[in-house]
C-alpha atoms as a PDB file:
ATOM      1  CA  MET A   1       6.243   8.386   9.058  1.00  0.00           C
ATOM      2  CA  PRO A   2       5.459   8.078   5.316  1.00  0.00           C
ATOM      3  CA  LYS A   3       2.050   6.797   4.257  1.00  0.00           C
ATOM      4  CA  TYR A   4       1.249   4.445   1.399  1.00  0.00           C
ATOM      5  CA  LEU A   5      -1.923   3.339  -0.336  1.00  0.00           C
ATOM      6  CA  ILE A   6      -1.913  -0.382  -1.064  1.00  0.00           C
ATOM      7  CA  GLU A   7      -4.465  -1.624  -3.593  1.00  0.00           C
ATOM      8  CA  ALA A   8      -4.877  -5.386  -3.359  1.00  0.00           C
ATOM      9  CA  SER A   9      -6.527  -7.777  -5.800  1.00  0.00           C
ATOM     10  CA  TYR A  10      -7.069 -11.313  -4.559  1.00  0.00           C
ATOM     11  CA  LYS A  11      -6.573 -14.317  -6.809  1.00  0.00           C
ATOM     12  CA  PRO A  12      -8.934 -17.308  -6.365  1.00  0.00           C
ATOM     13  CA  GLU A  13      -6.779 -18.896  -3.630  1.00  0.00           C
ATOM     14  CA  GLY A  14      -6.647 -15.595  -1.753  1.00  0.00           C
ATOM     15  CA  LEU A  15     -10.420 -15.231  -1.937  1.00  0.00           C
ATOM     16  CA  LYS A  16     -10.766 -18.749  -0.545  1.00  0.00           C
ATOM     17  CA  GLY A  17      -8.704 -17.607   2.427  1.00  0.00           C
ATOM     18  CA  ILE A  18     -10.956 -14.586   2.952  1.00  0.00           C
ATOM     19  CA  LEU A  19     -14.025 -16.826   2.777  1.00  0.00           C
ATOM     20  CA  ALA A  20     -12.503 -19.250   5.289  1.00  0.00           C
ATOM     21  CA  LYS A  21     -11.243 -16.774   7.883  1.00  0.00           C
ATOM     22  CA  GLY A  22     -13.083 -13.518   7.129  1.00  0.00           C
ATOM     23  CA  GLY A  23     -12.166  -9.927   6.503  1.00  0.00           C
ATOM     24  CA  SER A  24     -11.326  -9.118  10.115  1.00  0.00           C
ATOM     25  CA  ALA A  25      -8.683 -11.850  10.178  1.00  0.00           C
ATOM     26  CA  ARG A  26      -7.073 -10.411   7.023  1.00  0.00           C
ATOM     27  CA  ARG A  27      -7.056  -6.909   8.540  1.00  0.00           C
ATOM     28  CA  ASP A  28      -5.504  -8.268  11.737  1.00  0.00           C
ATOM     29  CA  ALA A  29      -2.833 -10.217   9.802  1.00  0.00           C
ATOM     30  CA  VAL A  30      -1.859  -7.089   7.858  1.00  0.00           C
ATOM     31  CA  GLY A  31      -1.810  -5.101  11.106  1.00  0.00           C
ATOM     32  CA  LYS A  32       0.562  -7.615  12.689  1.00  0.00           C
ATOM     33  CA  MET A  33       2.828  -7.581   9.634  1.00  0.00           C
ATOM     34  CA  MET A  34       2.981  -3.771   9.741  1.00  0.00           C
ATOM     35  CA  ALA A  35       3.682  -3.723  13.489  1.00  0.00           C
ATOM     36  CA  ASP A  36       6.487  -6.265  13.009  1.00  0.00           C
ATOM     37  CA  LEU A  37       7.993  -3.897  10.405  1.00  0.00           C
ATOM     38  CA  GLY A  38       7.662  -0.842  12.666  1.00  0.00           C
ATOM     39  CA  GLY A  39       4.596   0.549  10.907  1.00  0.00           C
ATOM     40  CA  THR A  40       0.830   0.740  11.336  1.00  0.00           C
ATOM     41  CA  VAL A  41      -2.387   0.246   9.411  1.00  0.00           C
ATOM     42  CA  GLU A  42      -4.362   3.475   9.239  1.00  0.00           C
ATOM     43  CA  SER A  43      -7.339   2.015   7.391  1.00  0.00           C
ATOM     44  CA  PHE A  44      -8.374  -1.221   5.701  1.00  0.00           C
ATOM     45  CA  HIS A  45     -11.394  -1.371   3.412  1.00  0.00           C
ATOM     46  CA  PHE A  46     -12.747  -4.083   1.149  1.00  0.00           C
ATOM     47  CA  ALA A  47     -14.342  -3.012  -2.140  1.00  0.00           C
ATOM     48  CA  PHE A  48     -16.126  -4.251  -5.238  1.00  0.00           C
ATOM     49  CA  GLY A  49     -14.520  -4.316  -8.677  1.00  0.00           C
ATOM     50  CA  ASP A  50     -10.984  -4.931  -9.874  1.00  0.00           C
ATOM     51  CA  THR A  51      -9.501  -3.890  -6.534  1.00  0.00           C
ATOM     52  CA  ASP A  52     -10.602  -6.029  -3.597  1.00  0.00           C
ATOM     53  CA  ALA A  53      -9.014  -4.031  -0.771  1.00  0.00           C
ATOM     54  CA  TYR A  54      -7.671  -0.542  -0.167  1.00  0.00           C
ATOM     55  CA  VAL A  55      -5.224  -0.284   2.712  1.00  0.00           C
ATOM     56  CA  ILE A  56      -3.484   2.838   3.972  1.00  0.00           C
ATOM     57  CA  VAL A  57      -0.364   2.077   5.976  1.00  0.00           C
ATOM     58  CA  GLU A  58       2.426   4.004   7.632  1.00  0.00           C
ATOM     59  CA  ALA A  59       5.841   2.452   7.015  1.00  0.00           C
ATOM     60  CA  PRO A  60       9.264   3.598   8.147  1.00  0.00           C
ATOM     61  CA  ASP A  61      10.546   4.237   4.605  1.00  0.00           C
ATOM     62  CA  ASN A  62      10.340   3.369   0.905  1.00  0.00           C
ATOM     63  CA  VAL A  63      12.544   0.310   1.327  1.00  0.00           C
ATOM     64  CA  THR A  64      10.095  -1.156   3.856  1.00  0.00           C
ATOM     65  CA  ALA A  65       7.158  -0.318   1.568  1.00  0.00           C
ATOM     66  CA  ALA A  66       8.922  -2.057  -1.326  1.00  0.00           C
ATOM     67  CA  ALA A  67       9.587  -5.109   0.853  1.00  0.00           C
ATOM     68  CA  ILE A  68       5.876  -5.309   1.673  1.00  0.00           C
ATOM     69  CA  GLY A  69       4.952  -5.244  -2.009  1.00  0.00           C
ATOM     70  CA  MET A  70       7.478  -7.942  -2.855  1.00  0.00           C
ATOM     71  CA  LEU A  71       6.418 -10.166   0.042  1.00  0.00           C
ATOM     72  CA  VAL A  72       2.717  -9.845  -0.753  1.00  0.00           C
ATOM     73  CA  GLY A  73       3.251 -10.424  -4.482  1.00  0.00           C
ATOM     74  CA  ALA A  74       5.469 -13.436  -3.841  1.00  0.00           C
ATOM     75  CA  SER A  75       2.630 -15.116  -1.939  1.00  0.00           C
ATOM     76  CA  GLY A  76       0.949 -15.827  -5.268  1.00  0.00           C
ATOM     77  CA  VAL A  77      -2.531 -15.309  -3.857  1.00  0.00           C
ATOM     78  CA  VAL A  78      -2.787 -11.541  -4.117  1.00  0.00           C
ATOM     79  CA  SER A  79      -1.339  -8.822  -6.308  1.00  0.00           C
ATOM     80  CA  CYS A  80      -0.869  -5.322  -5.034  1.00  0.00           C
ATOM     81  CA  ARG A  81       0.049  -1.846  -6.143  1.00  0.00           C
ATOM     82  CA  THR A  82       1.663   0.568  -3.687  1.00  0.00           C
ATOM     83  CA  THR A  83       1.365   4.335  -4.055  1.00  0.00           C
ATOM     84  CA  PRO A  84       3.292   6.777  -1.822  1.00  0.00           C
ATOM     85  CA  LEU A  85       0.958   9.365  -0.329  1.00  0.00           C
ATOM     86  CA  LEU A  86       2.092  12.979   0.065  1.00  0.00           C
ATOM     87  CA  THR A  87       0.705  15.537   2.481  1.00  0.00           C
ATOM     88  CA  PRO A  88      -0.330  19.018   1.370  1.00  0.00           C
ATOM     89  CA  GLU A  89       2.767  20.271   3.189  1.00  0.00           C
ATOM     90  CA  ASP A  90       4.959  17.923   1.138  1.00  0.00           C
ATOM     91  CA  ILE A  91       3.494  19.490  -2.006  1.00  0.00           C
ATOM     92  CA  ASP A  92       4.093  22.978  -0.559  1.00  0.00           C
ATOM     93  CA  GLN A  93       7.778  22.093  -0.201  1.00  0.00           C
ATOM     94  CA  ALA A  94       7.913  20.567  -3.693  1.00  0.00           C
ATOM     95  CA  ALA A  95       6.394  23.711  -5.166  1.00  0.00           C
ATOM     96  CA  LYS A  96       9.255  25.753  -3.703  1.00  0.00           C
ATOM     97  CA  VAL A  97      11.992  23.680  -5.360  1.00  0.00           C
ATOM     98  CA  ASN A  98      13.708  25.837  -7.948  1.00  0.00           C
ATOM     99  CA  LEU A  99      14.626  23.820 -11.019  1.00  0.00           C
ATOM    100  CA  GLN A 100      14.781  24.093 -14.773  1.00  0.00           C
ATOM    101  CA  TYR A 101      13.012  21.715 -17.122  1.00  0.00           C
ATOM    102  CA  LEU A 102      13.120  21.478 -20.898  1.00  0.00           C
ATOM    103  CA  PRO A 103      10.180  19.565 -22.357  1.00  0.00           C
ATOM    104  CA  PRO A 104      10.826  17.071 -25.154  1.00  0.00           C
ATOM    105  CA  GLY A 105      11.434  18.776 -28.486  1.00  0.00           C
ATOM    106  CA  SER A 106      12.468  22.122 -27.037  1.00  0.00           C
END
């Protein structure tokens, strides 16, 4: 199942929710959402700085991952960025693809 890195930044209302219910409750809510979508949470970490949480999830496909991003963003209390994660074996396969590329200006 494909993996994705979700970087979340909480807005003031979202931080109020974290303060009220705690980090474990947020992790559990994300875990339930992923299970309902047929996926899982591999890891969930809070952080300092511009990004408040880093979450690695497994989702059935890109469409499901996009739906997660839209749903989370539509909440208005958190913004997120989703990055597909590739395995070393995925890169091995990509390296074997035979294609031609002309850079700009060539």
